[in-house]
PDB file of N, CA and C in Angstrom:
ATOM      1  N   MET A   1     -22.717   6.162  -8.868  1.00  0.00           N
ATOM      2  CA  MET A   1     -22.761   7.650  -8.326  1.00  0.00           C
ATOM      3  C   MET A   1     -22.075   8.201  -9.492  1.00  0.00           C
ATOM      4  N   ALA A   2     -22.542   9.538  -9.776  1.00  0.00           N
ATOM      5  CA  ALA A   2     -21.809  10.638 -10.608  1.00  0.00           C
ATOM      6  C   ALA A   2     -20.250  10.730 -10.219  1.00  0.00           C
ATOM      7  N   LYS A   3     -19.365  10.791 -11.329  1.00  0.00           N
ATOM      8  CA  LYS A   3     -17.970  11.351 -10.793  1.00  0.00           C
ATOM      9  C   LYS A   3     -18.125  12.950 -10.564  1.00  0.00           C
ATOM     10  N   LYS A   4     -17.436  13.174  -9.552  1.00  0.00           N
ATOM     11  CA  LYS A   4     -17.341  14.400  -9.144  1.00  0.00           C
ATOM     12  C   LYS A   4     -16.381  15.296  -9.725  1.00  0.00           C
ATOM     13  N   SER A   5     -16.788  16.427  -9.965  1.00  0.00           N
ATOM     14  CA  SER A   5     -16.066  17.326 -10.896  1.00  0.00           C
ATOM     15  C   SER A   5     -15.755  18.793 -10.331  1.00  0.00           C
ATOM     16  N   ARG A   6     -14.877  19.496 -10.543  1.00  0.00           N
ATOM     17  CA  ARG A   6     -14.774  20.689 -10.017  1.00  0.00           C
ATOM     18  C   ARG A   6     -15.795  21.705 -10.732  1.00  0.00           C
ATOM     19  N   SER A   7     -16.049  21.223 -11.970  1.00  0.00           N
ATOM     20  CA  SER A   7     -16.823  22.359 -13.033  1.00  0.00           C
ATOM     21  C   SER A   7     -18.096  22.269 -12.376  1.00  0.00           C
ATOM     22  N   ARG A   8     -18.275  21.226 -11.795  1.00  0.00           N
ATOM     23  CA  ARG A   8     -20.228  21.411 -11.439  1.00  0.00           C
ATOM     24  C   ARG A   8     -20.195  22.377 -10.432  1.00  0.00           C
ATOM     25  N   THR A   9     -19.043  22.364  -9.293  1.00  0.00           N
ATOM     26  CA  THR A   9     -19.468  23.350  -8.254  1.00  0.00           C
ATOM     27  C   THR A   9     -19.036  24.856  -8.318  1.00  0.00           C
ATOM     28  N   SER A  10     -18.226  24.884  -9.593  1.00  0.00           N
ATOM     29  CA  SER A  10     -17.361  26.283  -9.775  1.00  0.00           C
ATOM     30  C   SER A  10     -18.226  27.240 -10.864  1.00  0.00           C
ATOM     31  N   LEU A  11     -19.448  26.535 -11.186  1.00  0.00           N
ATOM     32  CA  LEU A  11     -20.180  27.358 -12.206  1.00  0.00           C
ATOM     33  C   LEU A  11     -20.394  28.708 -11.581  1.00  0.00           C
ATOM     34  N   PRO A  12     -20.815  29.654 -12.370  1.00  0.00           N
ATOM     35  CA  PRO A  12     -21.169  30.873 -11.765  1.00  0.00           C
ATOM     36  C   PRO A  12     -22.737  30.720 -11.464  1.00  0.00           C
ATOM     37  N   PRO A  13     -23.146  31.379 -10.680  1.00  0.00           N
ATOM     38  CA  PRO A  13     -24.595  31.565 -10.184  1.00  0.00           C
ATOM     39  C   PRO A  13     -25.687  32.039 -11.467  1.00  0.00           C
ATOM     40  N   GLU A  14     -25.108  32.538 -12.533  1.00  0.00           N
ATOM     41  CA  GLU A  14     -26.047  32.586 -13.690  1.00  0.00           C
ATOM     42  C   GLU A  14     -26.148  31.661 -14.651  1.00  0.00           C
ATOM     43  N   VAL A  15     -24.864  30.948 -14.849  1.00  0.00           N
ATOM     44  CA  VAL A  15     -25.074  29.758 -15.236  1.00  0.00           C
ATOM     45  C   VAL A  15     -25.504  28.502 -14.977  1.00  0.00           C
ATOM     46  N   THR A  16     -25.356  28.388 -13.229  1.00  0.00           N
ATOM     47  CA  THR A  16     -26.089  27.301 -12.866  1.00  0.00           C
ATOM     48  C   THR A  16     -27.721  27.652 -13.113  1.00  0.00           C
ATOM     49  N   GLU A  17     -27.943  28.777 -12.884  1.00  0.00           N
ATOM     50  CA  GLU A  17     -29.642  29.385 -12.845  1.00  0.00           C
ATOM     51  C   GLU A  17     -30.241  28.922 -14.587  1.00  0.00           C
ATOM     52  N   SER A  18     -29.190  29.449 -15.738  1.00  0.00           N
ATOM     53  CA  SER A  18     -29.493  28.718 -16.988  1.00  0.00           C
ATOM     54  C   SER A  18     -29.868  27.593 -16.972  1.00  0.00           C
ATOM     55  N   VAL A  19     -28.415  26.592 -16.333  1.00  0.00           N
ATOM     56  CA  VAL A  19     -28.834  25.413 -16.596  1.00  0.00           C
ATOM     57  C   VAL A  19     -30.331  24.731 -16.299  1.00  0.00           C
ATOM     58  N   LEU A  20     -30.489  25.237 -14.767  1.00  0.00           N
ATOM     59  CA  LEU A  20     -31.848  24.816 -13.978  1.00  0.00           C
ATOM     60  C   LEU A  20     -33.132  25.268 -15.089  1.00  0.00           C
ATOM     61  N   HIS A  21     -33.038  26.236 -15.523  1.00  0.00           N
ATOM     62  CA  HIS A  21     -34.104  26.613 -16.466  1.00  0.00           C
ATOM     63  C   HIS A  21     -34.067  26.029 -17.630  1.00  0.00           C
ATOM     64  N   MET A  22     -33.294  25.435 -18.472  1.00  0.00           N
ATOM     65  CA  MET A  22     -33.108  24.701 -19.698  1.00  0.00           C
ATOM     66  C   MET A  22     -33.786  23.322 -19.001  1.00  0.00           C
ATOM     67  N   GLY A  23     -33.435  22.922 -18.054  1.00  0.00           N
ATOM     68  CA  GLY A  23     -34.165  21.530 -17.366  1.00  0.00           C
ATOM     69  C   GLY A  23     -35.572  21.796 -17.430  1.00  0.00           C
ATOM     70  N   GLU A  24     -36.140  22.962 -16.787  1.00  0.00           N
ATOM     71  CA  GLU A  24     -37.294  23.218 -16.719  1.00  0.00           C
ATOM     72  C   GLU A  24     -38.157  23.305 -17.605  1.00  0.00           C
ATOM     73  N   HIS A  25     -37.242  23.683 -18.851  1.00  0.00           N
ATOM     74  CA  HIS A  25     -37.959  24.102 -20.346  1.00  0.00           C
ATOM     75  C   HIS A  25     -37.808  22.785 -21.005  1.00  0.00           C
ATOM     76  N   ILE A  26     -37.369  21.677 -20.741  1.00  0.00           N
ATOM     77  CA  ILE A  26     -37.379  20.338 -21.303  1.00  0.00           C
ATOM     78  C   ILE A  26     -38.407  19.670 -20.635  1.00  0.00           C
ATOM     79  N   ARG A  27     -38.666  19.631 -19.301  1.00  0.00           N
ATOM     80  CA  ARG A  27     -39.575  18.847 -18.498  1.00  0.00           C
ATOM     81  C   ARG A  27     -41.246  19.604 -18.829  1.00  0.00           C
ATOM     82  N   ILE A  28     -41.231  20.798 -19.226  1.00  0.00           N
ATOM     83  CA  ILE A  28     -42.337  21.397 -19.770  1.00  0.00           C
ATOM     84  C   ILE A  28     -42.619  20.681 -21.182  1.00  0.00           C
ATOM     85  N   ALA A  29     -41.946  20.883 -22.079  1.00  0.00           N
ATOM     86  CA  ALA A  29     -42.193  20.318 -23.670  1.00  0.00           C
ATOM     87  C   ALA A  29     -42.483  18.728 -23.356  1.00  0.00           C
ATOM     88  N   ARG A  30     -41.908  17.844 -22.625  1.00  0.00           N
ATOM     89  CA  ARG A  30     -41.739  16.871 -22.326  1.00  0.00           C
ATOM     90  C   ARG A  30     -43.854  16.716 -21.734  1.00  0.00           C
ATOM     91  N   LYS A  31     -43.948  17.170 -20.961  1.00  0.00           N
ATOM     92  CA  LYS A  31     -45.282  17.086 -20.523  1.00  0.00           C
ATOM     93  C   LYS A  31     -46.394  17.386 -21.300  1.00  0.00           C
ATOM     94  N   ARG A  32     -45.907  18.637 -21.867  1.00  0.00           N
ATOM     95  CA  ARG A  32     -46.945  19.111 -22.972  1.00  0.00           C
ATOM     96  C   ARG A  32     -47.381  17.960 -24.594  1.00  0.00           C
ATOM     97  N   ARG A  33     -46.330  17.057 -24.584  1.00  0.00           N
ATOM     98  CA  ARG A  33     -46.388  16.046 -25.326  1.00  0.00           C
ATOM     99  C   ARG A  33     -47.219  14.718 -24.621  1.00  0.00           C
ATOM    100  N   LYS A  34     -47.427  15.051 -23.284  1.00  0.00           N
ATOM    101  CA  LYS A  34     -47.767  13.806 -22.484  1.00  0.00           C
ATOM    102  C   LYS A  34     -47.319  12.822 -22.326  1.00  0.00           C
ATOM    103  N   TRP A  35     -45.859  12.900 -22.275  1.00  0.00           N
ATOM    104  CA  TRP A  35     -44.733  11.749 -22.503  1.00  0.00           C
ATOM    105  C   TRP A  35     -44.152  11.591 -20.803  1.00  0.00           C
ATOM    106  N   THR A  36     -44.455  10.412 -20.621  1.00  0.00           N
ATOM    107  CA  THR A  36     -43.800  10.152 -18.891  1.00  0.00           C
ATOM    108  C   THR A  36     -42.206  10.264 -19.135  1.00  0.00           C
ATOM    109  N   LEU A  37     -41.699   9.857 -17.919  1.00  0.00           N
ATOM    110  CA  LEU A  37     -40.111  10.112 -18.134  1.00  0.00           C
ATOM    111  C   LEU A  37     -39.684   8.777 -18.654  1.00  0.00           C
ATOM    112  N   ASP A  38     -40.390   7.560 -18.183  1.00  0.00           N
ATOM    113  CA  ASP A  38     -39.769   6.624 -19.037  1.00  0.00           C
ATOM    114  C   ASP A  38     -40.047   6.683 -20.598  1.00  0.00           C
ATOM    115  N   ALA A  39     -41.027   7.098 -21.125  1.00  0.00           N
ATOM    116  CA  ALA A  39     -41.319   6.963 -22.326  1.00  0.00           C
ATOM    117  C   ALA A  39     -40.152   8.132 -23.171  1.00  0.00           C
ATOM    118  N   MET A  40     -39.984   9.151 -22.673  1.00  0.00           N
ATOM    119  CA  MET A  40     -38.854   9.783 -23.267  1.00  0.00           C
ATOM    120  C   MET A  40     -37.447   9.230 -23.192  1.00  0.00           C
ATOM    121  N   ALA A  41     -36.992   8.867 -21.845  1.00  0.00           N
ATOM    122  CA  ALA A  41     -35.974   8.266 -21.595  1.00  0.00           C
ATOM    123  C   ALA A  41     -35.918   7.110 -22.486  1.00  0.00           C
ATOM    124  N   SER A  42     -36.736   6.399 -23.046  1.00  0.00           N
ATOM    125  CA  SER A  42     -36.622   5.183 -23.983  1.00  0.00           C
ATOM    126  C   SER A  42     -36.188   5.851 -25.207  1.00  0.00           C
ATOM    127  N   ARG A  43     -37.022   6.949 -25.460  1.00  0.00           N
ATOM    128  CA  ARG A  43     -36.716   7.458 -26.851  1.00  0.00           C
ATOM    129  C   ARG A  43     -35.222   7.786 -26.953  1.00  0.00           C
ATOM    130  N   MET A  44     -34.675   8.357 -26.039  1.00  0.00           N
ATOM    131  CA  MET A  44     -33.277   8.815 -26.291  1.00  0.00           C
ATOM    132  C   MET A  44     -32.356   7.958 -25.705  1.00  0.00           C
ATOM    133  N   PHE A  45     -32.681   6.888 -25.874  1.00  0.00           N
ATOM    134  CA  PHE A  45     -31.625   5.868 -25.014  1.00  0.00           C
ATOM    135  C   PHE A  45     -31.026   5.860 -23.973  1.00  0.00           C
ATOM    136  N   VAL A  46     -31.537   6.531 -23.060  1.00  0.00           N
ATOM    137  CA  VAL A  46     -30.993   6.843 -21.562  1.00  0.00           C
ATOM    138  C   VAL A  46     -31.900   6.422 -20.495  1.00  0.00           C
ATOM    139  N   THR A  47     -31.449   6.435 -19.182  1.00  0.00           N
ATOM    140  CA  THR A  47     -32.202   6.156 -18.044  1.00  0.00           C
ATOM    141  C   THR A  47     -33.220   6.897 -17.761  1.00  0.00           C
ATOM    142  N   ARG A  48     -33.964   6.386 -16.970  1.00  0.00           N
ATOM    143  CA  ARG A  48     -34.974   7.664 -16.356  1.00  0.00           C
ATOM    144  C   ARG A  48     -34.720   8.447 -15.381  1.00  0.00           C
ATOM    145  N   LYS A  49     -33.283   7.759 -14.915  1.00  0.00           N
ATOM    146  CA  LYS A  49     -32.854   8.921 -13.798  1.00  0.00           C
ATOM    147  C   LYS A  49     -32.246   9.823 -14.236  1.00  0.00           C
ATOM    148  N   THR A  50     -31.284   9.516 -15.671  1.00  0.00           N
ATOM    149  CA  THR A  50     -30.602  10.468 -16.413  1.00  0.00           C
ATOM    150  C   THR A  50     -31.135  11.650 -16.562  1.00  0.00           C
ATOM    151  N   LEU A  51     -32.495  11.262 -17.240  1.00  0.00           N
ATOM    152  CA  LEU A  51     -33.357  12.384 -17.979  1.00  0.00           C
ATOM    153  C   LEU A  51     -33.887  12.929 -16.700  1.00  0.00           C
ATOM    154  N   SER A  52     -34.230  12.433 -15.401  1.00  0.00           N
ATOM    155  CA  SER A  52     -34.411  13.214 -14.410  1.00  0.00           C
ATOM    156  C   SER A  52     -33.419  14.015 -14.127  1.00  0.00           C
ATOM    157  N   ARG A  53     -31.798  13.707 -13.760  1.00  0.00           N
ATOM    158  CA  ARG A  53     -30.854  14.713 -13.608  1.00  0.00           C
ATOM    159  C   ARG A  53     -30.925  15.879 -14.680  1.00  0.00           C
ATOM    160  N   LEU A  54     -31.424  15.652 -16.204  1.00  0.00           N
ATOM    161  CA  LEU A  54     -31.189  16.845 -17.012  1.00  0.00           C
ATOM    162  C   LEU A  54     -32.191  17.584 -16.330  1.00  0.00           C
ATOM    163  N   GLU A  55     -33.652  17.228 -16.343  1.00  0.00           N
ATOM    164  CA  GLU A  55     -34.612  18.000 -15.859  1.00  0.00           C
ATOM    165  C   GLU A  55     -34.507  18.583 -14.771  1.00  0.00           C
ATOM    166  N   ASN A  56     -33.708  18.604 -13.816  1.00  0.00           N
ATOM    167  CA  ASN A  56     -33.504  18.942 -12.752  1.00  0.00           C
ATOM    168  C   ASN A  56     -32.142  20.137 -12.548  1.00  0.00           C
ATOM    169  N   GLY A  57     -31.670  19.979 -13.717  1.00  0.00           N
ATOM    170  CA  GLY A  57     -30.824  21.020 -13.709  1.00  0.00           C
ATOM    171  C   GLY A  57     -29.519  20.609 -13.362  1.00  0.00           C
ATOM    172  N   ASP A  58     -28.962  19.367 -13.554  1.00  0.00           N
ATOM    173  CA  ASP A  58     -27.724  19.007 -13.109  1.00  0.00           C
ATOM    174  C   ASP A  58     -26.571  18.968 -14.062  1.00  0.00           C
ATOM    175  N   PRO A  59     -25.616  20.192 -13.877  1.00  0.00           N
ATOM    176  CA  PRO A  59     -24.723  20.254 -14.905  1.00  0.00           C
ATOM    177  C   PRO A  59     -23.793  19.046 -15.052  1.00  0.00           C
ATOM    178  N   GLY A  60     -23.815  18.234 -14.643  1.00  0.00           N
ATOM    179  CA  GLY A  60     -22.954  16.959 -14.859  1.00  0.00           C
ATOM    180  C   GLY A  60     -23.680  15.825 -15.882  1.00  0.00           C
ATOM    181  N   VAL A  61     -24.432  16.562 -16.476  1.00  0.00           N
ATOM    182  CA  VAL A  61     -25.227  15.613 -17.391  1.00  0.00           C
ATOM    183  C   VAL A  61     -24.489  15.852 -18.432  1.00  0.00           C
ATOM    184  N   SER A  62     -24.277  14.939 -19.466  1.00  0.00           N
ATOM    185  CA  SER A  62     -23.554  15.020 -20.293  1.00  0.00           C
ATOM    186  C   SER A  62     -24.350  15.988 -21.917  1.00  0.00           C
ATOM    187  N   LEU A  63     -23.342  16.516 -22.676  1.00  0.00           N
ATOM    188  CA  LEU A  63     -23.600  17.310 -23.523  1.00  0.00           C
ATOM    189  C   LEU A  63     -24.658  16.147 -24.854  1.00  0.00           C
ATOM    190  N   ALA A  64     -24.073  14.829 -24.844  1.00  0.00           N
ATOM    191  CA  ALA A  64     -24.720  14.031 -25.621  1.00  0.00           C
ATOM    192  C   ALA A  64     -26.341  13.607 -25.166  1.00  0.00           C
ATOM    193  N   VAL A  65     -26.721  13.855 -23.861  1.00  0.00           N
ATOM    194  CA  VAL A  65     -27.813  13.514 -23.327  1.00  0.00           C
ATOM    195  C   VAL A  65     -28.760  14.821 -23.943  1.00  0.00           C
ATOM    196  N   LEU A  66     -28.043  16.074 -23.480  1.00  0.00           N
ATOM    197  CA  LEU A  66     -28.971  17.236 -23.627  1.00  0.00           C
ATOM    198  C   LEU A  66     -29.213  17.216 -25.311  1.00  0.00           C
ATOM    199  N   THR A  67     -28.312  16.895 -25.965  1.00  0.00           N
ATOM    200  CA  THR A  67     -28.688  17.070 -27.344  1.00  0.00           C
ATOM    201  C   THR A  67     -29.712  16.356 -27.913  1.00  0.00           C
ATOM    202  N   SER A  68     -29.624  14.843 -27.224  1.00  0.00           N
ATOM    203  CA  SER A  68     -30.852  13.845 -27.543  1.00  0.00           C
ATOM    204  C   SER A  68     -32.251  14.260 -26.899  1.00  0.00           C
ATOM    205  N   ALA A  69     -32.075  14.913 -25.849  1.00  0.00           N
ATOM    206  CA  ALA A  69     -33.308  15.466 -25.646  1.00  0.00           C
ATOM    207  C   ALA A  69     -33.773  16.422 -26.255  1.00  0.00           C
ATOM    208  N   LEU A  70     -32.969  17.426 -26.826  1.00  0.00           N
ATOM    209  CA  LEU A  70     -33.685  18.504 -27.739  1.00  0.00           C
ATOM    210  C   LEU A  70     -34.055  17.870 -29.051  1.00  0.00           C
ATOM    211  N   TRP A  71     -33.203  16.685 -29.886  1.00  0.00           N
ATOM    212  CA  TRP A  71     -33.694  15.884 -30.683  1.00  0.00           C
ATOM    213  C   TRP A  71     -35.028  15.440 -30.540  1.00  0.00           C
ATOM    214  N   VAL A  72     -35.116  14.933 -29.559  1.00  0.00           N
ATOM    215  CA  VAL A  72     -36.213  14.004 -29.557  1.00  0.00           C
ATOM    216  C   VAL A  72     -37.594  14.942 -29.504  1.00  0.00           C
ATOM    217  N   LEU A  73     -37.282  16.092 -28.874  1.00  0.00           N
ATOM    218  CA  LEU A  73     -38.542  16.985 -28.588  1.00  0.00           C
ATOM    219  C   LEU A  73     -38.584  17.913 -29.999  1.00  0.00           C
ATOM    220  N   GLY A  74     -37.718  17.731 -31.016  1.00  0.00           N
ATOM    221  CA  GLY A  74     -37.840  18.175 -32.145  1.00  0.00           C
ATOM    222  C   GLY A  74     -37.056  19.754 -32.250  1.00  0.00           C
ATOM    223  N   PHE A  75     -36.026  20.408 -31.284  1.00  0.00           N
ATOM    224  CA  PHE A  75     -35.639  21.293 -31.183  1.00  0.00           C
ATOM    225  C   PHE A  75     -34.162  21.211 -31.625  1.00  0.00           C
ATOM    226  N   GLU A  76     -33.944  20.182 -32.385  1.00  0.00           N
ATOM    227  CA  GLU A  76     -32.207  20.286 -32.869  1.00  0.00           C
ATOM    228  C   GLU A  76     -31.846  21.682 -33.725  1.00  0.00           C
ATOM    229  N   ASN A  77     -32.964  21.929 -34.303  1.00  0.00           N
ATOM    230  CA  ASN A  77     -32.409  23.339 -35.300  1.00  0.00           C
ATOM    231  C   ASN A  77     -32.171  24.448 -34.314  1.00  0.00           C
ATOM    232  N   ASP A  78     -32.326  24.258 -32.896  1.00  0.00           N
ATOM    233  CA  ASP A  78     -32.182  25.166 -32.203  1.00  0.00           C
ATOM    234  C   ASP A  78     -30.272  25.378 -31.766  1.00  0.00           C
ATOM    235  N   LEU A  79     -29.911  24.090 -31.967  1.00  0.00           N
ATOM    236  CA  LEU A  79     -28.752  23.909 -31.543  1.00  0.00           C
ATOM    237  C   LEU A  79     -27.656  24.620 -32.437  1.00  0.00           C
ATOM    238  N   HIS A  80     -27.957  24.795 -33.599  1.00  0.00           N
ATOM    239  CA  HIS A  80     -27.195  26.036 -34.664  1.00  0.00           C
ATOM    240  C   HIS A  80     -27.093  27.096 -34.010  1.00  0.00           C
ATOM    241  N   GLU A  81     -27.987  27.712 -32.947  1.00  0.00           N
ATOM    242  CA  GLU A  81     -27.937  28.768 -32.700  1.00  0.00           C
ATOM    243  C   GLU A  81     -27.128  29.400 -31.721  1.00  0.00           C
ATOM    244  N   ILE A  82     -26.652  28.073 -30.708  1.00  0.00           N
ATOM    245  CA  ILE A  82     -25.659  28.340 -29.647  1.00  0.00           C
ATOM    246  C   ILE A  82     -24.010  28.724 -30.018  1.00  0.00           C
ATOM    247  N   ALA A  83     -23.886  29.417 -29.561  1.00  0.00           N
ATOM    248  CA  ALA A  83     -22.533  30.041 -29.968  1.00  0.00           C
ATOM    249  C   ALA A  83     -22.276  30.162 -31.019  1.00  0.00           C
ATOM    250  N   HIS A  84     -23.365  30.956 -32.009  1.00  0.00           N
ATOM    251  CA  HIS A  84     -22.963  31.005 -33.589  1.00  0.00           C
ATOM    252  C   HIS A  84     -21.936  32.137 -33.552  1.00  0.00           C
ATOM    253  N   PRO A  85     -20.878  32.024 -34.706  1.00  0.00           N
ATOM    254  CA  PRO A  85     -20.278  32.971 -34.481  1.00  0.00           C
ATOM    255  C   PRO A  85     -20.666  34.666 -34.836  1.00  0.00           C
ATOM    256  N   GLU A  86     -21.432  34.601 -35.657  1.00  0.00           N
ATOM    257  CA  GLU A  86     -22.454  35.969 -35.949  1.00  0.00           C
ATOM    258  C   GLU A  86     -22.652  36.807 -34.782  1.00  0.00           C
ATOM    259  N   LYS A  87     -23.270  35.880 -33.824  1.00  0.00           N
ATOM    260  CA  LYS A  87     -23.512  36.471 -32.492  1.00  0.00           C
ATOM    261  C   LYS A  87     -22.663  36.788 -31.749  1.00  0.00           C
ATOM    262  N   ASP A  88     -21.392  36.667 -31.728  1.00  0.00           N
ATOM    263  CA  ASP A  88     -20.022  36.905 -30.861  1.00  0.00           C
ATOM    264  C   ASP A  88     -19.837  38.133 -31.131  1.00  0.00           C
ATOM    265  N   LYS A  89     -20.375  38.990 -30.304  1.00  0.00           N
ATOM    266  CA  LYS A  89     -20.241  40.306 -30.293  1.00  0.00           C
ATOM    267  C   LYS A  89     -18.747  40.884 -30.097  1.00  0.00           C
ATOM    268  N   VAL A  90     -18.083  40.005 -28.887  1.00  0.00           N
ATOM    269  CA  VAL A  90     -16.530  40.608 -28.274  1.00  0.00           C
ATOM    270  C   VAL A  90     -15.747  39.774 -29.696  1.00  0.00           C
ATOM    271  N   GLY A  91     -16.076  38.936 -30.143  1.00  0.00           N
ATOM    272  CA  GLY A  91     -15.117  38.330 -31.188  1.00  0.00           C
ATOM    273  C   GLY A  91     -14.843  38.904 -32.307  1.00  0.00           C
ATOM    274  N   ILE A  92     -16.038  39.574 -32.985  1.00  0.00           N
ATOM    275  CA  ILE A  92     -16.553  40.647 -34.192  1.00  0.00           C
ATOM    276  C   ILE A  92     -15.731  42.015 -33.528  1.00  0.00           C
ATOM    277  N   TYR A  93     -15.883  42.442 -32.329  1.00  0.00           N
ATOM    278  CA  TYR A  93     -15.184  43.768 -31.849  1.00  0.00           C
ATOM    279  C   TYR A  93     -13.880  43.273 -32.333  1.00  0.00           C
ATOM    280  N   ARG A  94     -13.338  42.269 -31.850  1.00  0.00           N
ATOM    281  CA  ARG A  94     -11.565  42.119 -31.704  1.00  0.00           C
ATOM    282  C   ARG A  94     -11.215  42.101 -33.020  1.00  0.00           C
ATOM    283  N   GLU A  95     -11.935  41.154 -33.694  1.00  0.00           N
ATOM    284  CA  GLU A  95     -11.570  41.054 -35.497  1.00  0.00           C
ATOM    285  C   GLU A  95     -11.481  42.340 -36.116  1.00  0.00           C
ATOM    286  N   ARG A  96     -12.437  43.252 -35.733  1.00  0.00           N
ATOM    287  CA  ARG A  96     -12.531  44.509 -36.599  1.00  0.00           C
ATOM    288  C   ARG A  96     -11.256  45.397 -35.830  1.00  0.00           C
ATOM    289  N   GLN A  97     -10.846  45.143 -34.788  1.00  0.00           N
ATOM    290  CA  GLN A  97      -9.620  46.078 -34.074  1.00  0.00           C
ATOM    291  C   GLN A  97      -8.619  45.587 -35.231  1.00  0.00           C
ATOM    292  N   ARG A  98      -8.431  44.083 -35.352  1.00  0.00           N
ATOM    293  CA  ARG A  98      -7.119  43.627 -36.258  1.00  0.00           C
ATOM    294  C   ARG A  98      -7.147  44.040 -37.900  1.00  0.00           C
ATOM    295  N   LEU A  99      -8.125  44.550 -38.443  1.00  0.00           N
ATOM    296  CA  LEU A  99      -7.968  45.001 -39.667  1.00  0.00           C
ATOM    297  C   LEU A  99      -7.266  46.250 -39.742  1.00  0.00           C
ATOM    298  N   PRO A 100      -6.204  46.168 -40.730  1.00  0.00           N
ATOM    299  CA  PRO A 100      -5.464  47.054 -41.028  1.00  0.00           C
ATOM    300  C   PRO A 100      -6.308  48.394 -41.394  1.00  0.00           C
ATOM    301  N   LYS A 101      -5.534  49.682 -41.166  1.00  0.00           N
ATOM    302  CA  LYS A 101      -6.151  50.732 -40.921  1.00  0.00           C
ATOM    303  C   LYS A 101      -6.337  51.406 -42.662  1.00  0.00           C
ATOM    304  N   ARG A 102      -4.948  51.032 -43.418  1.00  0.00           N
ATOM    305  CA  ARG A 102      -5.095  51.294 -44.702  1.00  0.00           C
ATOM    306  C   ARG A 102      -4.681  49.992 -45.509  1.00  0.00           C
ATOM    307  N   VAL A 103      -5.195  49.781 -46.756  1.00  0.00           N
ATOM    308  CA  VAL A 103      -4.999  49.124 -47.525  1.00  0.00           C
ATOM    309  C   VAL A 103      -4.339  49.267 -49.002  1.00  0.00           C
ATOM    310  N   ARG A 104      -2.951  48.436 -49.032  1.00  0.00           N
ATOM    311  CA  ARG A 104      -2.253  49.228 -50.210  1.00  0.00           C
ATOM    312  C   ARG A 104      -2.266  48.354 -51.124  1.00  0.00           C
ATOM    313  N   THR A 105      -2.275  48.485 -52.366  1.00  0.00           N
ATOM    314  CA  THR A 105      -2.245  47.509 -53.551  1.00  0.00           C
ATOM    315  C   THR A 105      -0.569  47.613 -54.229  1.00  0.00           C
ATOM    316  N   PHE A 106      -0.076  46.732 -54.397  1.00  0.00           N
ATOM    317  CA  PHE A 106       0.940  46.539 -55.077  1.00  0.00           C
ATOM    318  C   PHE A 106       1.378  45.985 -56.395  1.00  0.00           C
ATOM    319  N   LYS A 107       1.795  47.308 -57.206  1.00  0.00           N
ATOM    320  CA  LYS A 107       2.065  47.264 -58.665  1.00  0.00           C
ATOM    321  C   LYS A 107       3.205  45.983 -59.022  1.00  0.00           C
ATOM    322  N   THR A 108       2.521  45.280 -59.886  1.00  0.00           N
ATOM    323  CA  THR A 108       3.308  44.223 -60.387  1.00  0.00           C
ATOM    324  C   THR A 108       3.535  44.729 -62.064  1.00  0.00           C
ATOM    325  N   LYS A 109       4.527  43.648 -62.888  1.00  0.00           N
ATOM    326  CA  LYS A 109       4.922  43.783 -64.006  1.00  0.00           C
ATOM    327  C   LYS A 109       3.644  44.161 -64.862  1.00  0.00           C
ATOM    328  N   HIS A 110       2.505  43.088 -64.333  1.00  0.00           N
ATOM    329  CA  HIS A 110       1.421  43.058 -65.440  1.00  0.00           C
ATOM    330  C   HIS A 110       0.267  44.041 -65.212  1.00  0.00           C
ATOM    331  N   ASP A 111       0.596  44.597 -64.017  1.00  0.00           N
ATOM    332  CA  ASP A 111      -0.439  45.803 -63.861  1.00  0.00           C
ATOM    333  C   ASP A 111       0.203  46.882 -64.890  1.00  0.00           C
ATOM    334  N   LEU A 112       1.245  47.124 -65.184  1.00  0.00           N
ATOM    335  CA  LEU A 112       1.554  48.081 -66.007  1.00  0.00           C
ATOM    336  C   LEU A 112       1.951  48.080 -67.547  1.00  0.00           C
ATOM    337  N   ASP A 113       1.208  46.581 -67.760  1.00  0.00           N
ATOM    338  CA  ASP A 113       1.490  46.295 -69.206  1.00  0.00           C
ATOM    339  C   ASP A 113       0.030  46.892 -69.731  1.00  0.00           C
ATOM    340  N   PHE A 114       0.204  47.585 -70.858  1.00  0.00           N
ATOM    341  CA  PHE A 114      -1.321  48.115 -71.452  1.00  0.00           C
ATOM    342  C   PHE A 114      -1.288  47.294 -73.128  1.00  0.00           C
TER     343      PHE A 114
END
């Protein structure tokens, strides 16, 4: 039996729904390839039950299982887009707030040497 975790029960509804949709998308991709649960699970080196939990949107499935499923399906390049710094609108906004209003140059002896 899986270990109980507060993170499973305290996820916001939007996140829970996203996890469910991701599981559905993995199931659809598996079926389009005409792979059984057993066939894909063996390619991922996990049990059929673990893959089933992933496809059913269980948030307790490890990140390693998710990434393995994406790799087996050929979606490993999509992993690079998750939480990409260039898409972090809040982080970029805060970084710009920290920029100085003015930039001063400091003259050294070498700058004055003609």
